[in-house]
Amino acid sequence: MGLIENLETAIGASRRNYAELLSLTSELITERQQRGQHSWRSLSSQPWTAAKLQKAFPSFQAARAYFYQRYGIKAKGWQTLAERVNTVEAALIHLGLAIRETPEARAIAPLCDS
């Protein structure tokens, strides 16, 4: 395989992964709407990095299981897991279904629940 074929394969895989993440986000939104949940999901104050995941979880298997249960995400490495979690969480924030935990967000969250 030449360089162009490798690039085309990588681009195709990237598009499939992005489409899969969008589909998972859509499923989360639909499930939440069916449950009648309108409160915001609170997320960590900063996006995930591979290093933060490694500090937060005792093993990759534990991190993968947690995010699979929470978002349905599958990954084979720390970096891929961080990227996919951040994509889903960014979509949730963009759609108004989640907020990042910052002092400002904590101050306005009670106002939004009213």
Protein backbone atom coordinates (compact mmCIF):
# COMPACT_ATOMS: atom_id res chain seq x y z
CA MET A 1 0.00 0.00 0.00
CA GLY A 2 1.24 3.41 -0.88
CA LEU A 3 1.09 6.58 1.13
CA ILE A 4 -2.07 7.79 -0.64
CA GLU A 5 -3.90 4.54 0.05
CA ASN A 6 -2.86 4.68 3.71
CA LEU A 7 -4.10 8.26 3.95
CA GLU A 8 -7.41 7.38 2.29
CA THR A 9 -7.85 4.46 4.69
CA ALA A 10 -7.10 6.67 7.70
CA ILE A 11 -9.53 9.36 6.51
CA GLY A 12 -12.25 6.75 5.98
CA ALA A 13 -11.71 5.32 9.46
CA SER A 14 -11.77 8.79 10.99
CA ARG A 15 -15.08 9.57 9.30
CA ARG A 16 -16.57 6.28 10.50
CA ASN A 17 -15.41 6.97 14.07
CA TYR A 18 -16.84 10.50 13.97
CA ALA A 19 -20.16 9.19 12.63
CA GLU A 20 -20.21 6.53 15.36
CA LEU A 21 -19.66 9.17 18.06
CA LEU A 22 -22.43 11.35 16.66
CA SER A 23 -24.74 8.35 16.64
CA LEU A 24 -23.91 7.55 20.28
CA THR A 25 -24.57 11.17 21.25
CA SER A 26 -27.91 11.05 19.49
CA GLU A 27 -28.81 7.87 21.37
CA LEU A 28 -27.90 9.52 24.68
CA ILE A 29 -30.10 12.50 23.89
CA THR A 30 -33.02 10.31 22.84
CA GLU A 31 -32.70 8.17 25.96
CA ARG A 32 -32.58 11.24 28.16
CA GLN A 33 -35.64 12.75 26.49
CA GLN A 34 -37.57 9.51 26.90
CA ARG A 35 -36.77 9.49 30.61
CA GLY A 36 -37.94 13.08 30.88
CA GLN A 37 -34.62 14.19 32.31
CA HIS A 38 -33.99 17.86 31.81
CA SER A 39 -31.29 18.50 34.39
CA TRP A 40 -27.75 19.08 33.21
CA ARG A 41 -25.09 16.44 33.44
CA SER A 42 -22.11 17.85 35.29
CA LEU A 43 -18.73 17.15 33.68
CA SER A 44 -15.18 17.71 34.89
CA SER A 45 -13.89 21.25 34.58
CA GLN A 46 -11.38 20.41 31.83
CA PRO A 47 -11.47 18.04 28.85
CA TRP A 48 -9.83 14.66 29.39
CA THR A 49 -6.27 13.90 28.39
CA ALA A 50 -4.58 10.51 28.38
CA ALA A 51 -2.57 11.59 31.43
CA LYS A 52 -5.68 12.69 33.36
CA LEU A 53 -7.41 9.41 32.57
CA GLN A 54 -4.39 7.45 33.78
CA LYS A 55 -4.43 9.37 37.08
CA ALA A 56 -8.20 9.07 37.52
CA PHE A 57 -8.52 5.32 36.86
CA PRO A 58 -6.51 2.41 38.26
CA SER A 59 -6.26 0.75 34.84
CA PHE A 60 -7.19 1.22 31.21
CA GLN A 61 -9.77 -1.56 31.55
CA ALA A 62 -11.48 0.34 34.39
CA ALA A 63 -11.55 3.59 32.39
CA ARG A 64 -12.82 1.82 29.30
CA ALA A 65 -15.56 0.04 31.25
CA TYR A 66 -16.64 3.28 32.95
CA PHE A 67 -16.96 5.25 29.72
CA TYR A 68 -18.52 2.31 27.88
CA GLN A 69 -21.21 2.17 30.55
CA ARG A 70 -21.63 5.95 30.63
CA TYR A 71 -21.48 6.75 26.90
CA GLY A 72 -21.17 3.46 25.02
CA ILE A 73 -17.65 4.38 23.91
CA LYS A 74 -15.14 1.75 22.84
CA ALA A 75 -11.40 2.42 22.56
CA LYS A 76 -8.15 0.50 22.43
CA GLY A 77 -5.85 3.08 23.98
CA TRP A 78 -5.73 5.98 26.42
CA GLN A 79 -5.43 8.69 23.74
CA THR A 80 -8.30 7.32 21.66
CA LEU A 81 -10.47 7.03 24.76
CA ALA A 82 -9.73 10.64 25.77
CA GLU A 83 -10.53 11.91 22.27
CA ARG A 84 -13.80 10.01 22.04
CA VAL A 85 -14.96 10.99 25.53
CA ASN A 86 -14.15 14.64 24.80
CA THR A 87 -16.07 14.50 21.52
CA VAL A 88 -19.19 13.12 23.20
CA GLU A 89 -18.93 15.51 26.14
CA ALA A 90 -18.40 18.49 23.83
CA ALA A 91 -21.52 17.48 21.91
CA LEU A 92 -23.50 17.20 25.15
CA ILE A 93 -22.34 20.67 26.18
CA HIS A 94 -23.14 22.10 22.76
CA LEU A 95 -26.64 20.61 22.89
CA GLY A 96 -27.22 22.06 26.36
CA LEU A 97 -27.35 18.68 28.07
CA ALA A 98 -24.18 19.09 30.15
CA ILE A 99 -21.98 21.76 31.71
CA ARG A 100 -18.34 21.84 32.79
CA GLU A 101 -17.87 22.12 36.56
CA THR A 102 -16.41 25.58 37.04
CA PRO A 103 -17.16 28.07 39.80
CA GLU A 104 -19.23 30.10 37.31
CA ALA A 105 -21.18 27.04 36.17
CA ARG A 106 -21.92 26.02 39.76
CA ALA A 107 -23.25 29.51 40.45
CA ILE A 108 -25.71 29.49 37.52
CA ALA A 109 -26.75 25.81 37.66
CA PRO A 110 -29.34 26.36 40.46
CA LEU A 111 -30.87 29.18 38.43
CA CYS A 112 -31.31 26.87 35.44
CA ASP A 113 -33.02 24.15 37.49
CA SER A 114 -35.80 26.50 38.54
